[in-house]
Amino acid sequence: MTATASLTRKRPVNLTLSEGLVAQAKTYTDNLSATMETLLAGFVTSQQQARAARQQTADVCAADWNAVHASVGSFADEHSTL
């Protein structure tokens, strides 16, 4: 868990979890809340990284299309109705 996450205000939330899974998890941790918070923080971080990677891919694609348009123009330019 990051230092930032441990310093923020915490509040109770309701989760619906499998009873058997919770029982199994409790054999591995004394603090299920801290374990869930650590896992959730990791999930959020991975989702943020995935979103940033998709955005970077889209930015590169747009830059490539803009370069093509700048060098050869657009197919639609030949078919203007104006």
PDB file of N, CA and C in Angstrom:
ATOM      1  N   MET A   1       0.847  -1.174   0.000  1.00  0.00           N
ATOM      2  CA  MET A   1       0.000   0.000   0.000  1.00  0.00           C
ATOM      3  C   MET A   1       0.887   1.230   0.000  1.00  0.00           C
ATOM      4  N   THR A   2       0.487   2.246  -0.716  1.00  0.00           N
ATOM      5  CA  THR A   2       1.288   3.462  -0.803  1.00  0.00           C
ATOM      6  C   THR A   2       1.091   4.315   0.443  1.00  0.00           C
ATOM      7  N   ALA A   3       2.036   5.210   0.669  1.00  0.00           N
ATOM      8  CA  ALA A   3       1.932   6.107   1.817  1.00  0.00           C
ATOM      9  C   ALA A   3       0.718   7.004   1.686  1.00  0.00           C
ATOM     10  N   THR A   4       0.399   7.410   0.467  1.00  0.00           N
ATOM     11  CA  THR A   4      -0.752   8.279   0.238  1.00  0.00           C
ATOM     12  C   THR A   4      -2.042   7.578   0.636  1.00  0.00           C
ATOM     13  N   ALA A   5      -2.180   6.313   0.264  1.00  0.00           N
ATOM     14  CA  ALA A   5      -3.397   5.574   0.579  1.00  0.00           C
ATOM     15  C   ALA A   5      -3.557   5.397   2.081  1.00  0.00           C
ATOM     16  N   SER A   6      -2.463   5.236   2.812  1.00  0.00           N
ATOM     17  CA  SER A   6      -2.573   5.024   4.250  1.00  0.00           C
ATOM     18  C   SER A   6      -2.864   6.315   5.004  1.00  0.00           C
ATOM     19  N   LEU A   7      -2.637   7.478   4.382  1.00  0.00           N
ATOM     20  CA  LEU A   7      -2.874   8.747   5.056  1.00  0.00           C
ATOM     21  C   LEU A   7      -4.244   9.336   4.741  1.00  0.00           C
ATOM     22  N   THR A   8      -4.948   8.782   3.777  1.00  0.00           N
ATOM     23  CA  THR A   8      -6.238   9.338   3.407  1.00  0.00           C
ATOM     24  C   THR A   8      -7.318   8.887   4.372  1.00  0.00           C
ATOM     25  N   ARG A   9      -8.396   9.647   4.380  1.00  0.00           N
ATOM     26  CA  ARG A   9      -9.534   9.329   5.235  1.00  0.00           C
ATOM     27  C   ARG A   9     -10.174   8.046   4.743  1.00  0.00           C
ATOM     28  N   LYS A  10     -10.544   7.184   5.645  1.00  0.00           N
ATOM     29  CA  LYS A  10     -11.172   5.923   5.279  1.00  0.00           C
ATOM     30  C   LYS A  10     -12.605   5.919   5.771  1.00  0.00           C
ATOM     31  N   ARG A  11     -13.444   5.181   5.046  1.00  0.00           N
ATOM     32  CA  ARG A  11     -14.835   5.067   5.449  1.00  0.00           C
ATOM     33  C   ARG A  11     -15.295   3.639   5.164  1.00  0.00           C
ATOM     34  N   PRO A  12     -16.257   3.174   5.911  1.00  0.00           N
ATOM     35  CA  PRO A  12     -16.768   1.821   5.672  1.00  0.00           C
ATOM     36  C   PRO A  12     -17.576   1.765   4.375  1.00  0.00           C
ATOM     37  N   VAL A  13     -17.460   0.652   3.668  1.00  0.00           N
ATOM     38  CA  VAL A  13     -18.238   0.418   2.454  1.00  0.00           C
ATOM     39  C   VAL A  13     -18.823  -0.983   2.529  1.00  0.00           C
ATOM     40  N   ASN A  14     -19.864  -1.201   1.777  1.00  0.00           N
ATOM     41  CA  ASN A  14     -20.468  -2.528   1.727  1.00  0.00           C
ATOM     42  C   ASN A  14     -19.973  -3.254   0.487  1.00  0.00           C
ATOM     43  N   LEU A  15     -19.530  -4.467   0.670  1.00  0.00           N
ATOM     44  CA  LEU A  15     -19.127  -5.334  -0.428  1.00  0.00           C
ATOM     45  C   LEU A  15     -19.893  -6.640  -0.303  1.00  0.00           C
ATOM     46  N   THR A  16     -20.223  -7.203  -1.423  1.00  0.00           N
ATOM     47  CA  THR A  16     -20.836  -8.527  -1.415  1.00  0.00           C
ATOM     48  C   THR A  16     -19.786  -9.502  -1.931  1.00  0.00           C
ATOM     49  N   LEU A  17     -19.322 -10.349  -1.042  1.00  0.00           N
ATOM     50  CA  LEU A  17     -18.275 -11.303  -1.373  1.00  0.00           C
ATOM     51  C   LEU A  17     -18.726 -12.709  -1.019  1.00  0.00           C
ATOM     52  N   SER A  18     -18.191 -13.661  -1.721  1.00  0.00           N
ATOM     53  CA  SER A  18     -18.498 -15.056  -1.443  1.00  0.00           C
ATOM     54  C   SER A  18     -18.036 -15.409  -0.028  1.00  0.00           C
ATOM     55  N   GLU A  19     -18.927 -15.995   0.744  1.00  0.00           N
ATOM     56  CA  GLU A  19     -18.623 -16.352   2.127  1.00  0.00           C
ATOM     57  C   GLU A  19     -17.430 -17.307   2.207  1.00  0.00           C
ATOM     58  N   GLY A  20     -17.410 -18.278   1.311  1.00  0.00           N
ATOM     59  CA  GLY A  20     -16.313 -19.241   1.308  1.00  0.00           C
ATOM     60  C   GLY A  20     -14.984 -18.590   0.968  1.00  0.00           C
ATOM     61  N   LEU A  21     -15.006 -17.668   0.016  1.00  0.00           N
ATOM     62  CA  LEU A  21     -13.790 -16.972  -0.380  1.00  0.00           C
ATOM     63  C   LEU A  21     -13.266 -16.113   0.770  1.00  0.00           C
ATOM     64  N   VAL A  22     -14.162 -15.435   1.473  1.00  0.00           N
ATOM     65  CA  VAL A  22     -13.756 -14.617   2.618  1.00  0.00           C
ATOM     66  C   VAL A  22     -13.142 -15.500   3.700  1.00  0.00           C
ATOM     67  N   ALA A  23     -13.742 -16.651   3.953  1.00  0.00           N
ATOM     68  CA  ALA A  23     -13.205 -17.573   4.962  1.00  0.00           C
ATOM     69  C   ALA A  23     -11.802 -18.038   4.572  1.00  0.00           C
ATOM     70  N   GLN A  24     -11.614 -18.347   3.300  1.00  0.00           N
ATOM     71  CA  GLN A  24     -10.287 -18.767   2.842  1.00  0.00           C
ATOM     72  C   GLN A  24      -9.285 -17.621   2.961  1.00  0.00           C
ATOM     73  N   ALA A  25      -9.695 -16.421   2.576  1.00  0.00           N
ATOM     74  CA  ALA A  25      -8.795 -15.268   2.616  1.00  0.00           C
ATOM     75  C   ALA A  25      -8.358 -14.970   4.049  1.00  0.00           C
ATOM     76  N   LYS A  26      -9.255 -15.151   4.998  1.00  0.00           N
ATOM     77  CA  LYS A  26      -8.930 -14.870   6.399  1.00  0.00           C
ATOM     78  C   LYS A  26      -7.854 -15.808   6.939  1.00  0.00           C
ATOM     79  N   THR A  27      -7.658 -16.952   6.293  1.00  0.00           N
ATOM     80  CA  THR A  27      -6.571 -17.840   6.728  1.00  0.00           C
ATOM     81  C   THR A  27      -5.209 -17.292   6.311  1.00  0.00           C
ATOM     82  N   TYR A  28      -5.196 -16.350   5.366  1.00  0.00           N
ATOM     83  CA  TYR A  28      -3.948 -15.789   4.869  1.00  0.00           C
ATOM     84  C   TYR A  28      -3.657 -14.382   5.381  1.00  0.00           C
ATOM     85  N   THR A  29      -4.649 -13.712   5.946  1.00  0.00           N
ATOM     86  CA  THR A  29      -4.435 -12.340   6.405  1.00  0.00           C
ATOM     87  C   THR A  29      -5.211 -12.083   7.696  1.00  0.00           C
ATOM     88  N   ASP A  30      -4.607 -11.274   8.544  1.00  0.00           N
ATOM     89  CA  ASP A  30      -5.292 -10.848   9.770  1.00  0.00           C
ATOM     90  C   ASP A  30      -6.132  -9.604   9.519  1.00  0.00           C
ATOM     91  N   ASN A  31      -5.833  -8.891   8.436  1.00  0.00           N
ATOM     92  CA  ASN A  31      -6.514  -7.636   8.158  1.00  0.00           C
ATOM     93  C   ASN A  31      -7.057  -7.680   6.733  1.00  0.00           C
ATOM     94  N   LEU A  32      -8.251  -8.186   6.590  1.00  0.00           N
ATOM     95  CA  LEU A  32      -8.862  -8.334   5.275  1.00  0.00           C
ATOM     96  C   LEU A  32      -9.082  -6.976   4.609  1.00  0.00           C
ATOM     97  N   SER A  33      -9.429  -5.963   5.378  1.00  0.00           N
ATOM     98  CA  SER A  33      -9.640  -4.626   4.817  1.00  0.00           C
ATOM     99  C   SER A  33      -8.367  -4.084   4.188  1.00  0.00           C
ATOM    100  N   ALA A  34      -7.236  -4.210   4.875  1.00  0.00           N
ATOM    101  CA  ALA A  34      -5.963  -3.720   4.342  1.00  0.00           C
ATOM    102  C   ALA A  34      -5.564  -4.514   3.101  1.00  0.00           C
ATOM    103  N   THR A  35      -5.806  -5.812   3.123  1.00  0.00           N
ATOM    104  CA  THR A  35      -5.487  -6.643   1.964  1.00  0.00           C
ATOM    105  C   THR A  35      -6.329  -6.232   0.768  1.00  0.00           C
ATOM    106  N   MET A  36      -7.618  -6.031   0.983  1.00  0.00           N
ATOM    107  CA  MET A  36      -8.498  -5.606  -0.112  1.00  0.00           C
ATOM    108  C   MET A  36      -8.100  -4.226  -0.628  1.00  0.00           C
ATOM    109  N   GLU A  37      -7.725  -3.323   0.269  1.00  0.00           N
ATOM    110  CA  GLU A  37      -7.324  -1.990  -0.152  1.00  0.00           C
ATOM    111  C   GLU A  37      -6.052  -2.046  -1.001  1.00  0.00           C
ATOM    112  N   THR A  38      -5.102  -2.887  -0.604  1.00  0.00           N
ATOM    113  CA  THR A  38      -3.874  -3.053  -1.374  1.00  0.00           C
ATOM    114  C   THR A  38      -4.176  -3.624  -2.754  1.00  0.00           C
ATOM    115  N   LEU A  39      -5.014  -4.643  -2.808  1.00  0.00           N
ATOM    116  CA  LEU A  39      -5.376  -5.245  -4.092  1.00  0.00           C
ATOM    117  C   LEU A  39      -6.139  -4.255  -4.972  1.00  0.00           C
ATOM    118  N   LEU A  40      -7.046  -3.501  -4.376  1.00  0.00           N
ATOM    119  CA  LEU A  40      -7.814  -2.512  -5.133  1.00  0.00           C
ATOM    120  C   LEU A  40      -6.907  -1.398  -5.648  1.00  0.00           C
ATOM    121  N   ALA A  41      -5.956  -0.967  -4.843  1.00  0.00           N
ATOM    122  CA  ALA A  41      -5.003   0.065  -5.284  1.00  0.00           C
ATOM    123  C   ALA A  41      -4.186  -0.442  -6.471  1.00  0.00           C
ATOM    124  N   GLY A  42      -3.776  -1.699  -6.429  1.00  0.00           N
ATOM    125  CA  GLY A  42      -3.046  -2.284  -7.556  1.00  0.00           C
ATOM    126  C   GLY A  42      -3.900  -2.356  -8.802  1.00  0.00           C
ATOM    127  N   PHE A  43      -5.164  -2.711  -8.632  1.00  0.00           N
ATOM    128  CA  PHE A  43      -6.088  -2.767  -9.767  1.00  0.00           C
ATOM    129  C   PHE A  43      -6.273  -1.391 -10.393  1.00  0.00           C
ATOM    130  N   VAL A  44      -6.479  -0.382  -9.558  1.00  0.00           N
ATOM    131  CA  VAL A  44      -6.675   0.984 -10.054  1.00  0.00           C
ATOM    132  C   VAL A  44      -5.428   1.452 -10.799  1.00  0.00           C
ATOM    133  N   THR A  45      -4.255   1.182 -10.249  1.00  0.00           N
ATOM    134  CA  THR A  45      -3.001   1.570 -10.901  1.00  0.00           C
ATOM    135  C   THR A  45      -2.862   0.900 -12.258  1.00  0.00           C
ATOM    136  N   SER A  46      -3.171  -0.391 -12.339  1.00  0.00           N
ATOM    137  CA  SER A  46      -3.039  -1.096 -13.623  1.00  0.00           C
ATOM    138  C   SER A  46      -4.048  -0.572 -14.638  1.00  0.00           C
ATOM    139  N   GLN A  47      -5.242  -0.213 -14.199  1.00  0.00           N
ATOM    140  CA  GLN A  47      -6.239   0.339 -15.109  1.00  0.00           C
ATOM    141  C   GLN A  47      -5.817   1.726 -15.609  1.00  0.00           C
ATOM    142  N   GLN A  48      -5.230   2.525 -14.731  1.00  0.00           N
ATOM    143  CA  GLN A  48      -4.744   3.843 -15.137  1.00  0.00           C
ATOM    144  C   GLN A  48      -3.616   3.713 -16.158  1.00  0.00           C
ATOM    145  N   GLN A  49      -2.718   2.750 -15.928  1.00  0.00           N
ATOM    146  CA  GLN A  49      -1.620   2.531 -16.870  1.00  0.00           C
ATOM    147  C   GLN A  49      -2.150   2.040 -18.214  1.00  0.00           C
ATOM    148  N   ALA A  50      -3.136   1.158 -18.191  1.00  0.00           N
ATOM    149  CA  ALA A  50      -3.726   0.659 -19.436  1.00  0.00           C
ATOM    150  C   ALA A  50      -4.408   1.796 -20.194  1.00  0.00           C
ATOM    151  N   ARG A  51      -5.107   2.654 -19.486  1.00  0.00           N
ATOM    152  CA  ARG A  51      -5.766   3.799 -20.135  1.00  0.00           C
ATOM    153  C   ARG A  51      -4.724   4.738 -20.748  1.00  0.00           C
ATOM    154  N   ALA A  52      -3.645   4.990 -20.022  1.00  0.00           N
ATOM    155  CA  ALA A  52      -2.587   5.861 -20.546  1.00  0.00           C
ATOM    156  C   ALA A  52      -1.940   5.244 -21.787  1.00  0.00           C
ATOM    157  N   ALA A  53      -1.751   3.930 -21.781  1.00  0.00           N
ATOM    158  CA  ALA A  53      -1.167   3.252 -22.943  1.00  0.00           C
ATOM    159  C   ALA A  53      -2.104   3.344 -24.150  1.00  0.00           C
ATOM    160  N   ARG A  54      -3.409   3.162 -23.929  1.00  0.00           N
ATOM    161  CA  ARG A  54      -4.373   3.294 -25.031  1.00  0.00           C
ATOM    162  C   ARG A  54      -4.386   4.721 -25.570  1.00  0.00           C
ATOM    163  N   GLN A  55      -4.308   5.701 -24.672  1.00  0.00           N
ATOM    164  CA  GLN A  55      -4.284   7.093 -25.099  1.00  0.00           C
ATOM    165  C   GLN A  55      -3.032   7.383 -25.910  1.00  0.00           C
ATOM    166  N   GLN A  56      -1.894   6.855 -25.469  1.00  0.00           N
ATOM    167  CA  GLN A  56      -0.644   7.066 -26.198  1.00  0.00           C
ATOM    168  C   GLN A  56      -0.727   6.435 -27.585  1.00  0.00           C
ATOM    169  N   THR A  57      -1.300   5.241 -27.691  1.00  0.00           N
ATOM    170  CA  THR A  57      -1.475   4.589 -28.986  1.00  0.00           C
ATOM    171  C   THR A  57      -2.368   5.425 -29.889  1.00  0.00           C
ATOM    172  N   ALA A  58      -3.449   5.948 -29.345  1.00  0.00           N
ATOM    173  CA  ALA A  58      -4.352   6.790 -30.128  1.00  0.00           C
ATOM    174  C   ALA A  58      -3.664   8.080 -30.573  1.00  0.00           C
ATOM    175  N   ASP A  59      -2.862   8.664 -29.701  1.00  0.00           N
ATOM    176  CA  ASP A  59      -2.135   9.890 -30.052  1.00  0.00           C
ATOM    177  C   ASP A  59      -1.148   9.641 -31.187  1.00  0.00           C
ATOM    178  N   VAL A  60      -0.438   8.503 -31.137  1.00  0.00           N
ATOM    179  CA  VAL A  60       0.514   8.156 -32.192  1.00  0.00           C
ATOM    180  C   VAL A  60      -0.231   7.930 -33.508  1.00  0.00           C
ATOM    181  N   CYS A  61      -1.365   7.239 -33.443  1.00  0.00           N
ATOM    182  CA  CYS A  61      -2.164   6.986 -34.639  1.00  0.00           C
ATOM    183  C   CYS A  61      -2.642   8.304 -35.257  1.00  0.00           C
ATOM    184  N   ALA A  62      -3.137   9.205 -34.428  1.00  0.00           N
ATOM    185  CA  ALA A  62      -3.608  10.504 -34.922  1.00  0.00           C
ATOM    186  C   ALA A  62      -2.468  11.305 -35.536  1.00  0.00           C
ATOM    187  N   ALA A  63      -1.303  11.254 -34.914  1.00  0.00           N
ATOM    188  CA  ALA A  63      -0.153  11.973 -35.460  1.00  0.00           C
ATOM    189  C   ALA A  63       0.251  11.392 -36.816  1.00  0.00           C
ATOM    190  N   ASP A  64       0.206  10.068 -36.940  1.00  0.00           N
ATOM    191  CA  ASP A  64       0.529   9.426 -38.225  1.00  0.00           C
ATOM    192  C   ASP A  64      -0.471   9.825 -39.303  1.00  0.00           C
ATOM    193  N   TRP A  65      -1.765   9.802 -38.960  1.00  0.00           N
ATOM    194  CA  TRP A  65      -2.780  10.206 -39.931  1.00  0.00           C
ATOM    195  C   TRP A  65      -2.614  11.672 -40.321  1.00  0.00           C
ATOM    196  N   ASN A  66      -2.290  12.519 -39.363  1.00  0.00           N
ATOM    197  CA  ASN A  66      -2.068  13.931 -39.659  1.00  0.00           C
ATOM    198  C   ASN A  66      -0.866  14.111 -40.591  1.00  0.00           C
ATOM    199  N   ALA A  67       0.176  13.311 -40.393  1.00  0.00           N
ATOM    200  CA  ALA A  67       1.353  13.385 -41.265  1.00  0.00           C
ATOM    201  C   ALA A  67       0.997  12.949 -42.685  1.00  0.00           C
ATOM    202  N   VAL A  68       0.198  11.886 -42.812  1.00  0.00           N
ATOM    203  CA  VAL A  68      -0.237  11.432 -44.137  1.00  0.00           C
ATOM    204  C   VAL A  68      -1.072  12.519 -44.795  1.00  0.00           C
ATOM    205  N   HIS A  69      -1.997  13.093 -44.061  1.00  0.00           N
ATOM    206  CA  HIS A  69      -2.852  14.142 -44.602  1.00  0.00           C
ATOM    207  C   HIS A  69      -2.025  15.352 -45.043  1.00  0.00           C
ATOM    208  N   ALA A  70      -1.022  15.701 -44.252  1.00  0.00           N
ATOM    209  CA  ALA A  70      -0.179  16.851 -44.588  1.00  0.00           C
ATOM    210  C   ALA A  70       0.646  16.590 -45.847  1.00  0.00           C
ATOM    211  N   SER A  71       1.048  15.353 -46.059  1.00  0.00           N
ATOM    212  CA  SER A  71       1.918  15.078 -47.209  1.00  0.00           C
ATOM    213  C   SER A  71       1.151  14.768 -48.494  1.00  0.00           C
ATOM    214  N   VAL A  72       0.001  14.080 -48.403  1.00  0.00           N
ATOM    215  CA  VAL A  72      -0.719  13.700 -49.627  1.00  0.00           C
ATOM    216  C   VAL A  72      -2.126  14.251 -49.701  1.00  0.00           C
ATOM    217  N   GLY A  73      -2.576  14.874 -48.647  1.00  0.00           N
ATOM    218  CA  GLY A  73      -3.931  15.413 -48.642  1.00  0.00           C
ATOM    219  C   GLY A  73      -4.955  14.329 -48.329  1.00  0.00           C
ATOM    220  N   SER A  74      -6.192  14.686 -48.535  1.00  0.00           N
ATOM    221  CA  SER A  74      -7.288  13.777 -48.224  1.00  0.00           C
ATOM    222  C   SER A  74      -7.964  13.299 -49.503  1.00  0.00           C
ATOM    223  N   PHE A  75      -8.373  12.048 -49.522  1.00  0.00           N
ATOM    224  CA  PHE A  75      -9.117  11.496 -50.639  1.00  0.00           C
ATOM    225  C   PHE A  75     -10.397  12.315 -50.878  1.00  0.00           C
ATOM    226  N   ALA A  76     -10.992  12.796 -49.840  1.00  0.00           N
ATOM    227  CA  ALA A  76     -12.235  13.549 -49.943  1.00  0.00           C
ATOM    228  C   ALA A  76     -12.034  14.913 -50.599  1.00  0.00           C
ATOM    229  N   ASP A  77     -10.812  15.425 -50.611  1.00  0.00           N
ATOM    230  CA  ASP A  77     -10.558  16.718 -51.227  1.00  0.00           C
ATOM    231  C   ASP A  77     -10.905  16.724 -52.722  1.00  0.00           C
ATOM    232  N   GLU A  78     -10.760  15.586 -53.371  1.00  0.00           N
ATOM    233  CA  GLU A  78     -11.063  15.487 -54.800  1.00  0.00           C
ATOM    234  C   GLU A  78     -12.542  15.416 -55.077  1.00  0.00           C
ATOM    235  N   HIS A  79     -13.349  15.195 -54.075  1.00  0.00           N
ATOM    236  CA  HIS A  79     -14.760  14.973 -54.264  1.00  0.00           C
ATOM    237  C   HIS A  79     -15.617  16.006 -53.531  1.00  0.00           C
ATOM    238  N   SER A  80     -15.153  17.202 -53.451  1.00  0.00           N
ATOM    239  CA  SER A  80     -15.881  18.248 -52.761  1.00  0.00           C
ATOM    240  C   SER A  80     -17.150  18.598 -53.546  1.00  0.00           C
ATOM    241  N   THR A  81     -18.233  18.802 -52.873  1.00  0.00           N
ATOM    242  CA  THR A  81     -19.501  19.176 -53.501  1.00  0.00           C
ATOM    243  C   THR A  81     -19.671  20.688 -53.569  1.00  0.00           C
ATOM    244  N   LEU A  82     -18.717  21.432 -53.075  1.00  0.00           N
ATOM    245  CA  LEU A  82     -18.817  22.893 -53.052  1.00  0.00           C
ATOM    246  C   LEU A  82     -18.323  23.517 -54.314  1.00  0.00           C
TER     247      LEU A  82
END
